[in-house]
Amino acid sequence: MTDANGGVRTPLFDLHTELGGRMVNFGGHALPMRYGDGTVAEHRATRAAAGLFDVSHMGIVELHPAAGDEVHDVAAWLERCVPGAITSLAPGRMRYTLFTTAAGGVLDDLIVSCHADRLRIVVNAVRTEADLSMLREANGGGDDGDVRIEVRTDLALIALQGPAAVDVLAQLTPAAADLAFMSTSTLPIDGVECEVSRCGYTGEDGFEVAIPASEAMHIARLLLDADEVAPAGLGARDTLRLEAGLPLVGHELTEATTPAEAGLGWSIPKRRRAEAGFPGAEIITAQLRDGSPRQRVGIAAEGRRPIRDGAALTDAAGASVGIVTSGGYGPTVETPIAMAYVASEHSADGTELFAEGRKGTEPCRVAPLPFVEHRYWRPS
């Protein structure tokens, strides 16, 4: 169903409107930008306790073995499309990786999870159709080829993020507390079988839960019944990920940016660099080895005016050195912050720069990422 603003309604649409969500069209979906208390309140509630986000707009795609094959064969097939190590991914584990272009750019970033009989990938909403087109082309032109591609439109996806998330979810399904960061398991929540993954894009400990669409309202209400949980919208999701220094497709990640420039070399292990069996491998591995011409960096404002997306960055002499890709106010750090690409010779922490604004140039400096320390849970 399509909302009046042109966005496809997620299974939680009625809950958002009931809670007073200000609905917007985001990536072709009707989603809440914020609720009554506003983005800053939702951001702080997530950092202090827990926020509940509807991320059902994300694309969920499952890759199944062809007849006679095994999951390892699917993993080997997927490694032809991504630079990450997928064949070494154990059941119940997840991995962050990228779809890259022949020119070394980034089509999308994604999470791959390994299950006993399939791989599941979660991709960005704005890139879902392009990703599927690329996968189908690699699969001989359709959904049935070397692997079987299944798009899971029957699922809703919610994210419960923040330091209280584990205690809240463990009240409903105790085994969730035993999951480590980037692990996943099928767990019951009030009798509903859900895929619970310990991950998220806020920098906080938390979970993403895939739920049958017909049960999404029920599970979301159960979580919101907890005093620690507040509903949170797209605005808070963006300020949280900005403080956490996490890149976003369409901003930090585009076909014109490489993994090396984006600071994502950690996602490409030694074996994959040596094999070079993925799109753009020659360009990407050369930059990882020799350095890239520009770098993704944090930017801290010296004043109180926000630095906006698209602002040009110059040095003291007025020479262009880069561009801001994401900018805004950081409610936790209580100052304007941004991410940008700058020429590598200007990327050292503390480098003084100037951002072009509506009222002239604003002094700023290169700052280390993340702005707020990540709090993912890994067993000691």
Protein backbone atom coordinates (compact mmCIF):
# COMPACT_ATOMS: atom_id res chain seq x y z
CA MET A 1 0.00 0.00 0.00
CA THR A 2 1.20 3.51 -0.85
CA ASP A 3 0.81 6.44 1.54
CA ALA A 4 -0.44 9.86 0.44
CA ASN A 5 3.13 11.16 0.36
CA GLY A 6 4.05 8.55 -2.26
CA GLY A 7 5.94 6.17 -0.02
CA VAL A 8 5.17 2.48 0.37
CA ARG A 9 3.79 1.77 3.83
CA THR A 10 5.79 -0.58 6.02
CA PRO A 11 3.99 -3.09 8.27
CA LEU A 12 4.42 -0.59 11.14
CA PHE A 13 2.83 2.39 9.37
CA ASP A 14 -0.30 2.45 11.55
CA LEU A 15 1.82 2.33 14.69
CA HIS A 16 3.89 5.30 13.52
CA THR A 17 0.80 7.42 12.90
CA GLU A 18 -0.74 6.32 16.21
CA LEU A 19 2.42 7.51 17.98
CA GLY A 20 2.36 10.87 16.20
CA GLY A 21 5.17 10.18 13.76
CA ARG A 22 5.87 12.88 11.17
CA MET A 23 5.83 10.72 8.06
CA VAL A 24 8.08 11.37 5.06
CA ASN A 25 8.95 9.60 1.85
CA PHE A 26 12.37 8.05 2.39
CA GLY A 27 13.81 5.84 -0.31
CA GLY A 28 10.30 5.23 -1.64
CA HIS A 29 8.92 4.24 1.78
CA ALA A 30 6.69 6.10 4.22
CA LEU A 31 8.71 6.35 7.44
CA PRO A 32 8.72 8.62 10.50
CA MET A 33 11.25 11.44 10.50
CA ARG A 34 10.53 12.03 14.17
CA TYR A 35 7.84 11.76 16.82
CA GLY A 36 6.40 14.31 19.23
CA ASP A 37 9.47 14.91 21.40
CA GLY A 38 11.74 15.45 18.40
CA THR A 39 15.00 14.13 17.01
CA VAL A 40 17.30 15.30 19.80
CA ALA A 41 15.14 13.66 22.48
CA GLU A 42 15.01 10.40 20.49
CA HIS A 43 18.78 10.50 19.95
CA ARG A 44 19.47 11.00 23.66
CA ALA A 45 16.95 8.33 24.66
CA THR A 46 18.80 5.84 22.44
CA ARG A 47 22.21 6.75 23.88
CA ALA A 48 20.88 6.58 27.48
CA ALA A 49 18.49 3.61 27.27
CA ALA A 50 16.97 2.28 24.04
CA GLY A 51 15.37 3.50 20.83
CA LEU A 52 13.14 1.46 18.53
CA PHE A 53 13.53 2.11 14.79
CA ASP A 54 11.53 0.80 11.84
CA VAL A 55 14.08 -0.30 9.23
CA SER A 56 11.66 -2.37 7.17
CA HIS A 57 12.58 -0.31 4.10
CA MET A 58 15.90 -2.16 3.92
CA GLY A 59 16.10 -4.86 1.28
CA ILE A 60 16.25 -8.44 2.60
CA VAL A 61 17.48 -10.93 0.01
CA GLU A 62 18.24 -14.61 0.53
CA LEU A 63 20.64 -16.62 -1.60
CA HIS A 64 19.91 -20.34 -1.71
CA PRO A 65 22.06 -23.13 -3.15
CA ALA A 66 21.13 -24.47 -6.55
CA ALA A 67 20.12 -28.13 -6.68
CA GLY A 68 22.98 -30.34 -5.48
CA ASP A 69 25.02 -27.42 -4.10
CA GLU A 70 25.77 -26.32 -0.54
CA VAL A 71 25.88 -22.98 1.27
CA HIS A 72 29.64 -22.86 0.73
CA ASP A 73 29.00 -22.79 -3.02
CA VAL A 74 26.69 -19.80 -2.53
CA ALA A 75 29.39 -18.07 -0.49
CA ALA A 76 31.96 -18.67 -3.23
CA TRP A 77 29.52 -17.27 -5.77
CA LEU A 78 28.89 -14.14 -3.68
CA GLU A 79 32.64 -13.54 -3.32
CA ARG A 80 32.69 -12.78 -7.05
CA CYS A 81 30.52 -9.73 -6.29
CA VAL A 82 32.07 -8.47 -3.03
CA PRO A 83 35.60 -7.99 -1.62
CA GLY A 84 34.69 -9.48 1.77
CA ALA A 85 35.55 -12.97 3.01
CA ILE A 86 32.27 -14.89 2.75
CA THR A 87 33.43 -18.52 2.39
CA SER A 88 34.95 -18.36 5.90
CA LEU A 89 31.69 -17.11 7.43
CA ALA A 90 30.39 -19.65 9.96
CA PRO A 91 26.68 -20.35 10.47
CA GLY A 92 25.22 -17.82 12.88
CA ARG A 93 27.80 -15.17 12.03
CA MET A 94 27.48 -11.93 10.05
CA ARG A 95 29.88 -9.83 7.99
CA TYR A 96 29.92 -6.28 6.64
CA THR A 97 31.00 -5.97 3.02
CA LEU A 98 30.47 -3.94 -0.16
CA PHE A 99 29.20 -4.23 -3.70
CA THR A 100 31.90 -2.60 -5.82
CA THR A 101 32.09 -1.42 -9.42
CA ALA A 102 34.62 -2.24 -12.12
CA ALA A 103 36.05 1.26 -11.55
CA GLY A 104 36.57 0.59 -7.84
CA GLY A 105 33.58 2.58 -6.58
CA VAL A 106 30.94 1.49 -4.07
CA LEU A 107 27.50 0.48 -5.28
CA ASP A 108 26.23 -0.36 -1.80
CA ASP A 109 27.27 -1.64 1.60
CA LEU A 110 25.55 -4.68 3.04
CA ILE A 111 25.46 -7.21 5.85
CA VAL A 112 25.77 -10.90 4.99
CA SER A 113 24.58 -13.51 7.50
CA CYS A 114 25.24 -17.22 7.19
CA HIS A 115 22.52 -19.76 7.92
CA ALA A 116 22.63 -23.53 7.70
CA ASP A 117 20.82 -23.62 4.34
CA ARG A 118 21.28 -20.12 2.86
CA LEU A 119 22.91 -16.72 3.01
CA ARG A 120 20.88 -13.63 3.83
CA ILE A 121 21.94 -10.14 2.75
CA VAL A 122 20.48 -6.86 3.94
CA VAL A 123 21.00 -3.94 1.56
CA ASN A 124 20.07 -0.26 1.55
CA ALA A 125 16.58 0.67 0.42
CA VAL A 126 17.69 3.18 -2.21
CA ARG A 127 20.00 0.58 -3.78
CA THR A 128 17.83 -2.55 -3.52
CA GLU A 129 16.69 -2.62 -7.15
CA ALA A 130 20.17 -1.82 -8.47
CA ASP A 131 21.68 -4.51 -6.23
CA LEU A 132 19.14 -7.07 -7.40
CA SER A 133 19.84 -6.18 -11.02
CA MET A 134 23.56 -6.70 -10.46
CA LEU A 135 23.02 -10.01 -8.62
CA ARG A 136 20.67 -11.30 -11.31
CA GLU A 137 23.14 -10.38 -14.04
CA ALA A 138 25.84 -12.31 -12.15
CA ASN A 139 23.34 -15.19 -11.84
CA GLY A 140 22.79 -15.60 -15.56
CA GLY A 141 20.04 -13.01 -15.86
CA GLY A 142 17.43 -14.18 -13.36
CA ASP A 143 16.56 -15.50 -9.93
CA ASP A 144 17.40 -19.11 -10.78
CA GLY A 145 20.91 -19.88 -11.93
CA ASP A 146 24.11 -20.65 -10.03
CA VAL A 147 22.08 -19.69 -6.93
CA ARG A 148 18.42 -19.08 -6.21
CA ILE A 149 17.63 -15.46 -5.32
CA GLU A 150 14.64 -14.81 -3.05
CA VAL A 151 13.46 -11.31 -2.08
CA ARG A 152 11.84 -11.42 1.38
CA THR A 153 9.03 -8.90 1.10
CA ASP A 154 7.12 -10.89 3.74
CA LEU A 155 9.36 -9.64 6.56
CA ALA A 156 9.47 -6.49 8.67
CA LEU A 157 12.76 -5.33 10.19
CA ILE A 158 13.10 -3.34 13.40
CA ALA A 159 16.18 -2.12 15.23
CA LEU A 160 16.35 -1.93 19.03
CA GLN A 161 19.42 0.13 19.87
CA GLY A 162 21.01 1.40 23.08
CA PRO A 163 22.55 0.21 26.36
CA ALA A 164 19.21 -1.07 27.68
CA ALA A 165 18.40 -3.02 24.51
CA VAL A 166 19.85 -6.30 25.71
CA ASP A 167 17.95 -6.30 28.99
CA VAL A 168 14.68 -5.36 27.30
CA LEU A 169 14.97 -8.03 24.61
CA ALA A 170 16.22 -10.68 27.03
CA GLN A 171 12.99 -10.27 29.02
CA LEU A 172 11.17 -11.54 25.94
CA THR A 173 13.74 -14.02 24.60
CA PRO A 174 16.55 -14.76 27.10
CA ALA A 175 18.96 -16.28 24.54
CA ALA A 176 19.37 -12.84 22.93
CA ALA A 177 21.71 -11.87 25.78
CA ASP A 178 24.17 -14.58 24.70
CA LEU A 179 24.53 -13.31 21.14
CA ALA A 180 27.83 -11.53 20.43
CA PHE A 181 28.16 -8.56 18.12
CA MET A 182 27.64 -9.63 14.48
CA SER A 183 25.92 -12.88 15.45
CA THR A 184 22.41 -14.02 14.55
CA SER A 185 19.94 -16.67 15.64
CA THR A 186 16.29 -17.65 15.18
CA LEU A 187 14.61 -16.98 18.53
CA PRO A 188 11.00 -16.96 19.74
CA ILE A 189 9.47 -13.67 20.91
CA ASP A 190 6.07 -14.28 22.51
CA GLY A 191 5.61 -17.34 20.33
CA VAL A 192 6.73 -15.67 17.09
CA GLU A 193 9.86 -17.04 15.41
CA CYS A 194 12.14 -14.07 14.70
CA GLU A 195 15.63 -13.70 13.30
CA VAL A 196 17.51 -11.78 16.00
CA SER A 197 20.85 -10.23 15.03
CA ARG A 198 23.17 -8.33 17.34
CA CYS A 199 24.09 -5.40 15.14
CA GLY A 200 22.91 -1.93 14.17
CA TYR A 201 24.00 1.40 12.75
CA THR A 202 24.00 3.72 15.74
CA GLY A 203 27.32 2.81 17.38
CA GLU A 204 25.39 1.42 20.34
CA ASP A 205 24.89 -2.16 21.44
CA GLY A 206 21.63 -3.43 20.06
CA PHE A 207 19.71 -5.75 17.78
CA GLU A 208 17.96 -5.93 14.46
CA VAL A 209 14.95 -8.25 14.44
CA ALA A 210 13.39 -9.67 11.29
CA ILE A 211 9.73 -10.49 11.94
CA PRO A 212 6.91 -11.93 9.82
CA ALA A 213 5.13 -8.81 8.57
CA SER A 214 1.82 -9.96 10.04
CA GLU A 215 3.37 -10.00 13.55
CA ALA A 216 5.40 -6.79 13.33
CA MET A 217 2.89 -4.57 15.15
CA HIS A 218 2.57 -7.09 17.97
CA ILE A 219 6.33 -7.41 18.53
CA ALA A 220 6.95 -3.67 18.25
CA ARG A 221 4.26 -2.96 20.85
CA LEU A 222 5.80 -5.51 23.22
CA LEU A 223 9.13 -3.73 22.99
CA LEU A 224 7.59 -0.27 23.37
CA ASP A 225 5.80 -1.46 26.51
CA ALA A 226 9.19 -1.41 28.27
CA ASP A 227 9.81 1.87 30.11
CA GLU A 228 13.35 2.00 28.70
CA VAL A 229 12.25 2.03 25.03
CA ALA A 230 11.30 5.13 23.04
CA PRO A 231 10.21 5.20 19.39
CA ALA A 232 12.83 6.85 17.20
CA GLY A 233 12.73 8.11 13.62
CA LEU A 234 15.01 8.74 10.68
CA GLY A 235 16.36 11.97 12.11
CA ALA A 236 17.78 10.30 15.21
CA ARG A 237 19.07 7.39 13.17
CA ASP A 238 21.10 9.83 11.09
CA THR A 239 22.52 11.86 13.98
CA LEU A 240 23.44 8.66 15.82
CA ARG A 241 25.29 7.18 12.86
CA LEU A 242 27.02 10.52 12.20
CA GLU A 243 28.35 10.66 15.76
CA ALA A 244 29.42 7.03 15.36
CA GLY A 245 31.34 7.93 12.19
CA LEU A 246 29.45 5.37 10.09
CA PRO A 247 29.32 6.00 6.32
CA LEU A 248 26.02 6.18 4.48
CA VAL A 249 25.25 5.22 0.89
CA GLY A 250 24.59 8.30 -1.19
CA HIS A 251 26.69 10.41 1.13
CA GLU A 252 30.04 8.84 2.05
CA LEU A 253 29.57 5.80 -0.18
CA THR A 254 29.01 6.34 -3.90
CA GLU A 255 30.25 4.95 -7.19
CA ALA A 256 32.78 7.82 -7.16
CA THR A 257 34.33 6.76 -3.83
CA THR A 258 36.53 3.73 -3.24
CA PRO A 259 36.75 1.51 -0.14
CA ALA A 260 40.25 2.82 0.55
CA GLU A 261 39.09 6.44 0.45
CA ALA A 262 36.15 5.57 2.72
CA GLY A 263 38.43 4.00 5.32
CA LEU A 264 36.88 0.56 4.81
CA GLY A 265 40.06 -1.36 4.06
CA TRP A 266 39.46 -3.32 7.28
CA SER A 267 36.53 -5.06 5.55
CA ILE A 268 38.82 -6.53 2.84
CA PRO A 269 41.08 -9.20 4.37
CA LYS A 270 44.47 -10.31 3.14
CA ARG A 271 43.15 -13.37 1.29
CA ARG A 272 40.67 -11.36 -0.73
CA ARG A 273 43.25 -8.72 -1.60
CA ALA A 274 45.55 -11.44 -2.87
CA GLU A 275 42.83 -13.27 -4.84
CA ALA A 276 41.51 -10.02 -6.33
CA GLY A 277 38.43 -11.84 -7.63
CA PHE A 278 35.91 -9.03 -7.23
CA PRO A 279 34.85 -5.98 -9.29
CA GLY A 280 37.40 -3.16 -9.25
CA ALA A 281 39.99 -5.29 -7.46
CA GLU A 282 43.01 -3.87 -9.29
CA ILE A 283 42.17 -0.26 -8.41
CA ILE A 284 41.02 -1.04 -4.87
CA THR A 285 44.00 -3.20 -3.90
CA ALA A 286 46.44 -0.66 -5.37
CA GLN A 287 44.94 2.09 -3.23
CA LEU A 288 44.97 -0.11 -0.13
CA ARG A 289 48.65 -0.83 -0.78
CA ASP A 290 49.89 2.59 -1.93
CA GLY A 291 47.38 5.01 -0.43
CA SER A 292 44.42 6.89 -1.90
CA PRO A 293 44.31 10.51 -3.10
CA ARG A 294 41.70 11.48 -0.52
CA GLN A 295 40.38 10.25 2.81
CA ARG A 296 37.10 10.21 4.71
CA VAL A 297 37.58 12.24 7.90
CA GLY A 298 35.63 13.75 10.74
CA ILE A 299 35.11 17.50 10.81
CA ALA A 300 34.54 19.46 14.03
CA ALA A 301 33.17 23.00 13.80
CA GLU A 302 34.97 25.72 15.72
CA GLY A 303 31.74 27.73 16.06
CA ARG A 304 28.09 26.88 16.66
CA ARG A 305 26.81 26.95 13.08
CA PRO A 306 26.15 23.52 11.52
CA ILE A 307 28.28 22.43 8.58
CA ARG A 308 25.93 21.09 5.92
CA ASP A 309 26.17 18.34 3.33
CA GLY A 310 27.84 19.56 0.16
CA ALA A 311 29.82 22.37 1.81
CA ALA A 312 33.16 22.98 0.12
CA LEU A 313 36.27 22.79 2.31
CA THR A 314 39.27 25.03 1.75
CA ASP A 315 42.63 25.59 3.39
CA ALA A 316 43.81 28.90 4.87
CA ALA A 317 44.89 30.09 1.43
CA GLY A 318 41.42 29.46 -0.01
CA ALA A 319 42.43 26.43 -2.07
CA SER A 320 39.82 23.69 -2.40
CA VAL A 321 40.76 20.56 -0.42
CA GLY A 322 37.53 18.60 -0.07
CA ILE A 323 33.77 18.43 0.42
CA VAL A 324 31.42 17.65 3.30
CA THR A 325 29.30 14.52 2.77
CA SER A 326 27.25 14.51 6.01
CA GLY A 327 26.82 17.30 8.51
CA GLY A 328 24.65 18.37 11.41
CA TYR A 329 24.46 18.82 15.15
CA GLY A 330 25.70 16.04 17.43
CA PRO A 331 23.36 15.91 20.46
CA THR A 332 25.77 13.76 22.49
CA VAL A 333 28.89 15.82 21.80
CA GLU A 334 26.79 19.01 21.83
CA THR A 335 28.50 20.63 18.87
CA PRO A 336 28.18 20.71 15.07
CA ILE A 337 30.01 17.79 13.43
CA ALA A 338 30.43 16.42 9.93
CA MET A 339 32.13 13.83 7.77
CA ALA A 340 33.99 14.80 4.62
CA TYR A 341 36.42 13.70 1.95
CA VAL A 342 39.63 15.72 1.93
CA ALA A 343 42.88 15.42 0.00
CA SER A 344 45.13 12.99 1.84
CA GLU A 345 47.76 15.67 2.56
CA HIS A 346 45.09 17.58 4.53
CA SER A 347 43.64 14.58 6.40
CA ALA A 348 45.73 14.65 9.60
CA ASP A 349 43.77 15.15 12.83
CA GLY A 350 43.78 18.78 13.86
CA THR A 351 44.29 20.20 10.37
CA GLU A 352 42.63 23.62 10.21
CA LEU A 353 40.14 24.10 7.37
CA PHE A 354 37.26 26.36 6.38
CA ALA A 355 33.75 25.25 5.37
CA GLU A 356 31.67 27.32 2.96
CA GLY A 357 28.38 28.26 4.58
CA ARG A 358 25.37 30.45 3.88
CA LYS A 359 26.99 33.32 5.77
CA GLY A 360 30.55 32.89 4.54
CA THR A 361 33.28 30.53 5.64
CA GLU A 362 33.24 28.78 8.99
CA PRO A 363 36.48 27.63 10.67
CA CYS A 364 36.70 23.91 11.41
CA ARG A 365 39.29 21.19 11.88
CA VAL A 366 39.84 17.58 10.97
CA ALA A 367 38.77 15.39 13.89
CA PRO A 368 39.18 11.67 14.60
CA LEU A 369 36.30 9.28 13.95
CA PRO A 370 34.12 8.22 15.63
CA PHE A 371 32.95 11.26 17.56
CA VAL A 372 31.26 8.93 20.09
CA GLU A 373 32.89 5.64 21.09
CA HIS A 374 31.25 2.47 19.78
CA ARG A 375 29.68 0.25 22.42
CA TYR A 376 29.24 -3.05 20.59
CA TRP A 377 29.23 -6.10 22.85
CA ARG A 378 31.83 -8.78 22.28
CA PRO A 379 32.41 -11.54 24.86
CA SER A 380 35.78 -11.24 26.59
